């Protein structure tokens, strides 16, 4: 049942409840996990890796401190997790067929969290020169040095080739957080969307909020509609936005809990840009499923995902105004959830055309490894050592 939109307001400064474990979802998506160690899923299958903060958006009582340091030792002690053999065997069969020789090196990265990397997205609404200096001292460098077709000066992201995770900032009452940790590939859908000031933008499946935050680093939309159907994840999304975005801009943001499959009917041809970061089989997390029975159930239900993804994409097309663009993204390698969904949309929607994003791919080829042989309107980031970003599939379409 659809629920009314939630209009954001500033929250109080008291202590927050600890993040509760989300109910089981047979699928999940995210390349972003701002306050958690990477890919240590709980038995629910949700991307709730081992908590580092006290709530979904990393809120904690007391004063804010700047814990820049002590990274590698802390990380190594938290990532000794067991591979789920059921999931690995399933992926071995599927991705050997779909990726060929590339699967072997991708598998080596996905099954070794100690080689994973995280990027640091700076918050332009809470600048901190000390943080940038510290990042440079620790070997980080600015991302996206190539000639991208769209790269706002306000978007600042730092990354490094060596593994490890930069500590996330804690909450300080009355002060916005200064950075957001995420998989660098998660920024590619935002860069492909090319949001401009004043546009009406829909983030259809927005939790936990990293891509919404990234959109707001790039531009000031006239209206940003962030939708998340699940109650817990919608609260997580709301807290993320409140932790990074100042009040004047929050007034132009709406968080809703609508069924994304119906937004196209409810908000017909209303938006200039739509991001469909759809639920998917999260390859990184699924490989570390701690409950074999639920892992098996997820794999069985995986077949239903492409149908859900197509319904969400079709709804996004309906919500998009003629002349507007949408970006579809997942954090899985699965062809059925990526190219097959886009191909179905192109063949069934006569008012939809592909948009070439190959120039963007070439501009970031020093930082990301892409699967060869895809169409010009799509990219698939393959994790490899030293560039352990992704998986991340990105496709761009335009409504005519």
Protein backbone atom coordinates (compact mmCIF):
# COMPACT_ATOMS: atom_id res chain seq x y z
CA UNK A 1 0.00 0.00 0.00
CA UNK A 2 1.35 3.40 -0.93
CA UNK A 3 2.15 5.86 1.80
CA UNK A 4 2.17 9.64 1.83
CA UNK A 5 5.44 11.49 1.19
CA UNK A 6 7.59 12.46 4.14
CA UNK A 7 8.79 16.05 4.01
CA UNK A 8 12.21 16.43 5.54
CA UNK A 9 12.85 18.58 8.58
CA UNK A 10 15.85 18.91 10.82
CA UNK A 11 16.01 16.28 13.53
CA UNK A 12 16.81 16.92 17.17
CA UNK A 13 20.28 16.60 18.62
CA UNK A 14 19.50 13.92 21.17
CA UNK A 15 20.84 10.40 21.04
CA UNK A 16 19.57 8.20 18.23
CA UNK A 17 18.42 4.61 18.34
CA UNK A 18 20.88 2.03 17.17
CA UNK A 19 20.28 0.65 13.72
CA UNK A 20 17.88 -2.26 13.85
CA UNK A 21 18.34 -5.21 11.59
CA UNK A 22 16.22 -4.92 8.47
CA UNK A 23 13.81 -7.67 7.45
CA UNK A 24 14.98 -10.24 4.94
CA UNK A 25 15.01 -9.15 1.32
CA UNK A 26 15.64 -11.78 -1.36
CA UNK A 27 17.62 -9.17 -3.25
CA UNK A 28 19.34 -5.97 -2.46
CA UNK A 29 21.38 -3.27 -4.04
CA UNK A 30 23.92 -0.78 -3.01
CA UNK A 31 27.47 0.15 -3.72
CA UNK A 32 27.42 2.51 -0.81
CA UNK A 33 27.58 1.95 2.87
CA UNK A 34 28.61 5.15 4.59
CA UNK A 35 29.10 3.98 8.13
CA UNK A 36 29.84 0.29 7.83
CA UNK A 37 32.73 -2.00 7.06
CA UNK A 38 32.25 -3.40 3.54
CA UNK A 39 30.27 -6.49 2.60
CA UNK A 40 29.79 -8.34 5.83
CA UNK A 41 26.09 -9.16 5.43
CA UNK A 42 23.94 -10.33 8.29
CA UNK A 43 21.61 -13.28 8.10
CA UNK A 44 18.87 -11.06 6.72
CA UNK A 45 20.76 -10.61 3.46
CA UNK A 46 20.64 -6.82 3.70
CA UNK A 47 23.74 -4.74 3.28
CA UNK A 48 24.18 -4.23 6.98
CA UNK A 49 27.85 -4.96 7.34
CA UNK A 50 29.43 -4.67 10.73
CA UNK A 51 28.29 -1.39 12.25
CA UNK A 52 30.77 1.37 12.86
CA UNK A 53 28.26 4.04 13.89
CA UNK A 54 25.24 3.99 16.12
CA UNK A 55 22.53 4.35 13.50
CA UNK A 56 21.88 3.84 9.79
CA UNK A 57 23.27 7.25 8.93
CA UNK A 58 26.07 7.00 11.44
CA UNK A 59 24.63 9.20 14.15
CA UNK A 60 26.05 8.91 17.62
CA UNK A 61 25.48 10.83 20.79
CA UNK A 62 28.07 13.28 22.04
CA UNK A 63 30.50 15.49 20.23
CA UNK A 64 31.95 15.02 16.79
CA UNK A 65 35.56 14.04 16.41
CA UNK A 66 37.72 13.78 13.31
CA UNK A 67 39.05 10.18 13.41
CA UNK A 68 41.36 10.45 10.41
CA UNK A 69 43.79 7.57 10.88
CA UNK A 70 44.26 4.08 12.22
CA UNK A 71 42.74 2.60 9.11
CA UNK A 72 44.41 -0.60 7.98
CA UNK A 73 44.75 -2.36 11.32
CA UNK A 74 41.13 -1.66 12.17
CA UNK A 75 39.94 -2.83 8.76
CA UNK A 76 41.93 -6.05 8.77
CA UNK A 77 40.46 -7.07 12.08
CA UNK A 78 36.88 -6.79 10.84
CA UNK A 79 36.82 -8.47 7.47
CA UNK A 80 37.72 -12.06 8.20
CA UNK A 81 34.45 -13.51 6.85
CA UNK A 82 33.62 -16.81 5.25
CA UNK A 83 32.68 -17.16 1.60
CA UNK A 84 29.24 -18.67 1.05
CA UNK A 85 29.98 -21.72 -1.09
CA UNK A 86 26.42 -21.98 -2.44
CA UNK A 87 26.60 -18.44 -3.83
CA UNK A 88 30.15 -18.80 -5.13
CA UNK A 89 29.28 -22.00 -7.01
CA UNK A 90 26.27 -20.27 -8.55
CA UNK A 91 28.33 -17.25 -9.60
CA UNK A 92 31.12 -19.48 -10.89
CA UNK A 93 28.80 -21.12 -13.37
CA UNK A 94 26.93 -17.97 -14.43
CA UNK A 95 29.78 -15.52 -14.68
CA UNK A 96 32.23 -17.90 -16.33
CA UNK A 97 29.66 -18.12 -19.13
CA UNK A 98 28.92 -14.37 -19.21
CA UNK A 99 32.34 -12.82 -18.55
CA UNK A 100 34.68 -15.47 -19.89
CA UNK A 101 38.30 -15.10 -18.84
CA UNK A 102 37.54 -11.84 -16.98
CA UNK A 103 35.61 -13.71 -14.28
CA UNK A 104 38.71 -15.25 -12.72
CA UNK A 105 40.30 -11.91 -11.78
CA UNK A 106 36.94 -10.42 -10.77
CA UNK A 107 36.26 -13.40 -8.51
CA UNK A 108 39.64 -12.98 -6.83
CA UNK A 109 38.76 -9.42 -5.87
CA UNK A 110 35.17 -10.07 -4.80
CA UNK A 111 36.22 -12.90 -2.50
CA UNK A 112 39.04 -10.95 -0.86
CA UNK A 113 37.66 -7.96 1.13
CA UNK A 114 41.15 -7.04 2.29
CA UNK A 115 41.92 -5.78 -1.22
CA UNK A 116 38.79 -3.65 -1.46
CA UNK A 117 39.04 0.13 -1.74
CA UNK A 118 36.78 2.97 -0.71
CA UNK A 119 36.64 6.50 -2.01
CA UNK A 120 35.95 9.65 -0.02
CA UNK A 121 33.30 12.03 -1.36
CA UNK A 122 33.71 15.48 0.18
CA UNK A 123 30.64 17.41 1.28
CA UNK A 124 30.70 20.83 -0.35
CA UNK A 125 28.27 22.07 2.30
CA UNK A 126 30.79 21.38 5.08
CA UNK A 127 34.25 22.13 3.66
CA UNK A 128 37.32 21.00 5.62
CA UNK A 129 40.78 21.87 4.24
CA UNK A 130 42.33 19.78 7.02
CA UNK A 131 40.53 16.72 5.72
CA UNK A 132 41.81 17.24 2.17
CA UNK A 133 45.35 17.65 3.47
CA UNK A 134 45.06 14.48 5.52
CA UNK A 135 43.78 12.54 2.53
CA UNK A 136 46.77 13.64 0.44
CA UNK A 137 49.18 12.63 3.22
CA UNK A 138 47.60 9.16 3.31
CA UNK A 139 48.07 8.66 -0.42
CA UNK A 140 44.66 9.71 -1.73
CA UNK A 141 44.38 11.76 -4.90
CA UNK A 142 41.49 13.52 -6.66
CA UNK A 143 39.39 11.21 -8.80
CA UNK A 144 38.17 11.89 -12.33
CA UNK A 145 41.16 13.68 -13.81
CA UNK A 146 40.12 12.90 -17.39
CA UNK A 147 38.13 15.19 -19.69
CA UNK A 148 34.65 14.12 -18.59
CA UNK A 149 31.65 15.47 -20.50
CA UNK A 150 30.13 16.40 -17.12
CA UNK A 151 32.18 17.09 -13.99
CA UNK A 152 30.99 19.96 -11.77
CA UNK A 153 33.80 21.76 -9.97
CA UNK A 154 31.99 21.31 -6.66
CA UNK A 155 32.18 17.50 -6.89
CA UNK A 156 35.32 16.41 -5.08
CA UNK A 157 36.13 12.75 -4.59
CA UNK A 158 39.41 11.25 -3.40
CA UNK A 159 40.66 7.71 -3.91
CA UNK A 160 43.86 5.68 -3.77
CA UNK A 161 45.02 2.45 -5.32
CA UNK A 162 45.99 0.72 -2.07
CA UNK A 163 43.30 -1.15 -0.12
CA UNK A 164 41.74 0.18 3.04
CA UNK A 165 38.91 2.27 4.33
CA UNK A 166 39.11 5.86 5.54
CA UNK A 167 37.34 6.34 8.89
CA UNK A 168 33.89 7.86 8.62
CA UNK A 169 33.17 11.07 10.54
CA UNK A 170 30.95 10.93 13.59
CA UNK A 171 27.97 13.17 14.12
CA UNK A 172 28.35 16.50 15.87
CA UNK A 173 25.20 18.31 16.91
CA UNK A 174 24.55 21.28 14.66
CA UNK A 175 27.27 20.40 12.18
CA UNK A 176 27.06 18.62 8.83
CA UNK A 177 29.32 15.69 8.08
CA UNK A 178 32.34 16.47 5.95
CA UNK A 179 32.64 13.33 3.82
CA UNK A 180 30.78 10.25 2.66
CA UNK A 181 32.52 6.92 2.04
CA UNK A 182 31.46 4.89 -0.96
CA UNK A 183 32.56 2.67 -3.80
CA UNK A 184 33.88 5.12 -6.40
CA UNK A 185 31.92 3.36 -9.15
CA UNK A 186 28.72 4.51 -7.43
CA UNK A 187 29.42 8.02 -8.72
CA UNK A 188 29.28 6.97 -12.38
CA UNK A 189 25.46 6.86 -12.55
CA UNK A 190 25.36 10.37 -11.09
CA UNK A 191 27.93 11.67 -13.59
CA UNK A 192 26.00 10.01 -16.42
CA UNK A 193 22.74 11.66 -15.29
CA UNK A 194 24.23 15.18 -15.67
CA UNK A 195 21.86 17.01 -13.34
CA UNK A 196 21.67 20.80 -13.76
CA UNK A 197 20.54 23.52 -11.38
CA UNK A 198 16.79 23.95 -11.25
CA UNK A 199 15.85 20.58 -12.74
CA UNK A 200 13.23 18.27 -11.28
CA UNK A 201 14.99 15.02 -10.37
CA UNK A 202 13.67 11.67 -9.16
CA UNK A 203 15.89 9.17 -7.34
CA UNK A 204 13.50 6.23 -7.60
CA UNK A 205 15.24 3.74 -5.26
CA UNK A 206 17.24 6.18 -3.18
CA UNK A 207 18.32 4.49 0.10
CA UNK A 208 20.79 4.60 1.70
CA UNK A 209 21.22 8.01 0.10
CA UNK A 210 24.75 8.14 -1.28
CA UNK A 211 23.71 8.90 -4.85
CA UNK A 212 21.22 11.53 -3.67
CA UNK A 213 24.02 13.19 -1.69
CA UNK A 214 26.27 12.97 -4.76
CA UNK A 215 23.61 14.58 -6.98
CA UNK A 216 23.48 17.50 -4.55
CA UNK A 217 27.26 17.85 -4.72
CA UNK A 218 26.88 18.36 -8.47
CA UNK A 219 23.93 20.74 -8.68
CA UNK A 220 21.00 22.32 -6.85
CA UNK A 221 17.88 20.78 -8.38
CA UNK A 222 14.67 22.75 -8.28
CA UNK A 223 13.18 19.65 -6.71
CA UNK A 224 14.83 16.38 -5.69
CA UNK A 225 12.36 13.58 -5.01
CA UNK A 226 14.04 10.71 -3.12
CA UNK A 227 11.88 7.61 -2.97
CA UNK A 228 12.36 4.44 -0.90
CA UNK A 229 9.59 1.92 -0.37
CA UNK A 230 10.98 0.15 2.71
CA UNK A 231 10.31 1.87 6.05
CA UNK A 232 13.68 1.21 7.66
CA UNK A 233 15.65 2.17 4.59
CA UNK A 234 13.53 5.32 4.15
CA UNK A 235 14.52 6.41 7.67
CA UNK A 236 18.13 5.65 6.81
CA UNK A 237 17.78 7.77 3.67
CA UNK A 238 16.23 10.65 5.59
CA UNK A 239 19.00 10.63 8.20
CA UNK A 240 21.68 10.53 5.49
CA UNK A 241 20.26 13.60 3.79
CA UNK A 242 19.91 15.45 7.09
CA UNK A 243 23.53 14.63 7.95
CA UNK A 244 24.96 16.12 4.74
CA UNK A 245 22.58 18.74 3.36
CA UNK A 246 21.86 22.20 4.86
CA UNK A 247 18.38 23.38 5.72
CA UNK A 248 17.75 25.78 2.80
CA UNK A 249 18.43 23.00 0.31
CA UNK A 250 16.53 20.39 2.33
CA UNK A 251 13.40 22.46 1.69
CA UNK A 252 13.64 21.43 -1.99
CA UNK A 253 13.91 17.70 -1.16
CA UNK A 254 11.05 15.27 -0.63
CA UNK A 255 11.48 11.77 0.78
CA UNK A 256 8.60 9.42 -0.03
CA UNK A 257 7.79 5.77 0.59
CA UNK A 258 5.90 4.97 -2.59
CA UNK A 259 5.94 1.75 -4.55
CA UNK A 260 8.34 2.70 -7.33
CA UNK A 261 6.38 0.64 -9.84
CA UNK A 262 3.49 3.12 -9.55
CA UNK A 263 5.31 6.46 -9.47
CA UNK A 264 5.05 6.75 -13.24
CA UNK A 265 1.26 6.86 -12.96
CA UNK A 266 1.28 9.16 -9.93
CA UNK A 267 3.90 11.60 -11.28
CA UNK A 268 3.37 11.30 -15.00
CA UNK A 269 5.99 13.10 -17.14
CA UNK A 270 6.97 15.34 -14.23
CA UNK A 271 10.76 14.95 -14.04
CA UNK A 272 13.66 16.20 -16.13
CA UNK A 273 16.02 13.48 -14.88
CA UNK A 274 15.41 10.11 -13.23
CA UNK A 275 17.90 7.80 -11.53
CA UNK A 276 16.86 4.14 -11.31
CA UNK A 277 19.44 2.57 -9.01
CA UNK A 278 17.38 -0.56 -8.90
CA UNK A 279 17.29 -3.41 -6.35
CA UNK A 280 19.58 -6.17 -7.60
CA UNK A 281 21.53 -9.23 -6.54
CA UNK A 282 24.38 -7.51 -4.72
CA UNK A 283 27.31 -9.70 -5.74
CA UNK A 284 29.72 -8.46 -3.08
CA UNK A 285 27.33 -9.00 -0.18
CA UNK A 286 25.80 -12.22 -1.41
CA UNK A 287 29.20 -13.90 -1.54
CA UNK A 288 29.47 -13.43 2.23
CA UNK A 289 25.97 -14.57 3.17
CA UNK A 290 26.14 -16.08 6.63
CA UNK A 291 22.91 -18.10 6.33
CA UNK A 292 23.13 -20.81 3.68
CA UNK A 293 19.38 -21.42 3.65
CA UNK A 294 18.57 -17.77 2.99
CA UNK A 295 21.38 -17.57 0.44
CA UNK A 296 19.78 -20.49 -1.42
CA UNK A 297 16.40 -18.76 -1.23
CA UNK A 298 17.87 -15.56 -2.65
CA UNK A 299 19.39 -17.45 -5.56
CA UNK A 300 16.05 -19.12 -6.32
CA UNK A 301 14.21 -15.79 -6.18
CA UNK A 302 16.89 -14.11 -8.27
CA UNK A 303 14.94 -15.03 -11.39
CA UNK A 304 12.19 -12.62 -10.33
CA UNK A 305 14.51 -9.66 -10.20
CA UNK A 306 14.57 -8.77 -13.88
CA UNK A 307 10.78 -8.51 -13.90
CA UNK A 308 10.81 -6.12 -10.93
CA UNK A 309 13.64 -4.12 -12.48
CA UNK A 310 11.78 -3.76 -15.76
CA UNK A 311 8.65 -2.61 -13.95
CA UNK A 312 10.65 0.03 -12.08
CA UNK A 313 12.35 1.15 -15.29
CA UNK A 314 9.03 1.37 -17.14
CA UNK A 315 7.61 3.45 -14.28
CA UNK A 316 10.65 5.74 -14.49
CA UNK A 317 10.04 6.23 -18.22
CA UNK A 318 6.44 7.21 -17.51
CA UNK A 319 7.59 9.71 -14.86
CA UNK A 320 10.11 11.28 -17.25
CA UNK A 321 9.09 14.26 -19.37
CA UNK A 322 9.67 14.10 -23.14
CA UNK A 323 13.24 15.19 -23.79
CA UNK A 324 14.34 14.07 -20.34
CA UNK A 325 16.98 11.44 -19.56
CA UNK A 326 17.21 8.56 -17.14
CA UNK A 327 20.06 6.43 -15.87
CA UNK A 328 19.60 2.80 -14.88
CA UNK A 329 22.19 1.23 -12.59
CA UNK A 330 22.87 -1.91 -10.56
CA UNK A 331 25.75 -3.28 -8.51
CA UNK A 332 25.65 -6.75 -10.06
CA UNK A 333 27.48 -8.41 -12.94
CA UNK A 334 24.36 -10.30 -14.01
CA UNK A 335 23.48 -9.82 -17.66
CA UNK A 336 19.82 -10.64 -16.95
CA UNK A 337 19.61 -7.70 -14.56
CA UNK A 338 21.62 -5.33 -16.71
CA UNK A 339 21.68 -5.38 -20.51
CA UNK A 340 18.64 -7.65 -20.78
CA UNK A 341 16.46 -5.21 -18.83
CA UNK A 342 17.63 -2.26 -20.93
CA UNK A 343 17.13 -4.17 -24.19
CA UNK A 344 13.59 -5.08 -23.14
CA UNK A 345 12.82 -1.46 -22.34
CA UNK A 346 14.18 -0.25 -25.68
CA UNK A 347 12.21 -2.85 -27.60
CA UNK A 348 8.94 -2.24 -25.77
CA UNK A 349 8.99 1.56 -25.32
CA UNK A 350 8.80 3.33 -28.67
CA UNK A 351 9.51 6.71 -27.07
CA UNK A 352 12.85 5.59 -25.59
CA UNK A 353 16.26 5.86 -27.25
CA UNK A 354 19.77 5.01 -26.01
CA UNK A 355 22.26 7.75 -25.11
CA UNK A 356 25.97 7.28 -25.83
CA UNK A 357 28.07 7.33 -22.61
CA UNK A 358 31.23 5.87 -24.12
CA UNK A 359 33.01 9.24 -23.84
CA UNK A 360 32.53 9.15 -20.09
CA UNK A 361 33.88 5.60 -20.01
CA UNK A 362 37.02 6.60 -21.90
CA UNK A 363 37.58 9.60 -19.62
CA UNK A 364 37.62 7.43 -16.48
CA UNK A 365 39.40 4.42 -17.97
CA UNK A 366 42.49 5.12 -15.86
CA UNK A 367 40.44 4.58 -12.70
CA UNK A 368 37.99 1.85 -13.72
CA UNK A 369 38.10 -1.39 -15.67
CA UNK A 370 35.13 -1.95 -17.99
CA UNK A 371 33.77 -5.07 -19.63
CA UNK A 372 34.48 -4.97 -23.35
CA UNK A 373 31.85 -5.54 -26.00
CA UNK A 374 28.90 -3.62 -24.55
CA UNK A 375 26.80 -1.08 -26.44
CA UNK A 376 27.68 2.63 -26.39
CA UNK A 377 24.84 3.46 -24.01
CA UNK A 378 26.08 1.11 -21.26
CA UNK A 379 29.10 0.43 -19.06
CA UNK A 380 29.93 -2.38 -16.64
CA UNK A 381 32.68 -1.75 -14.08
CA UNK A 382 34.71 -4.89 -13.30
CA UNK A 383 36.63 -4.97 -10.00
CA UNK A 384 40.34 -5.70 -10.28
CA UNK A 385 43.24 -5.39 -7.86
CA UNK A 386 44.36 -1.80 -7.53
CA UNK A 387 41.05 -0.71 -9.07
CA UNK A 388 38.67 -2.71 -6.92
CA UNK A 389 35.60 -0.64 -7.79
CA UNK A 390 32.26 -2.10 -8.75
CA UNK A 391 30.54 -4.15 -9.89
CA UNK A 392 28.52 -1.27 -11.27
CA UNK A 393 26.34 -1.32 -14.37
CA UNK A 394 25.28 2.02 -15.89
CA UNK A 395 22.99 2.66 -18.85
CA UNK A 396 21.51 5.94 -20.10
CA UNK A 397 18.26 6.43 -22.01
CA UNK A 398 16.31 9.41 -23.34
CA UNK A 399 12.57 9.89 -23.75
CA UNK A 400 11.60 11.45 -27.07
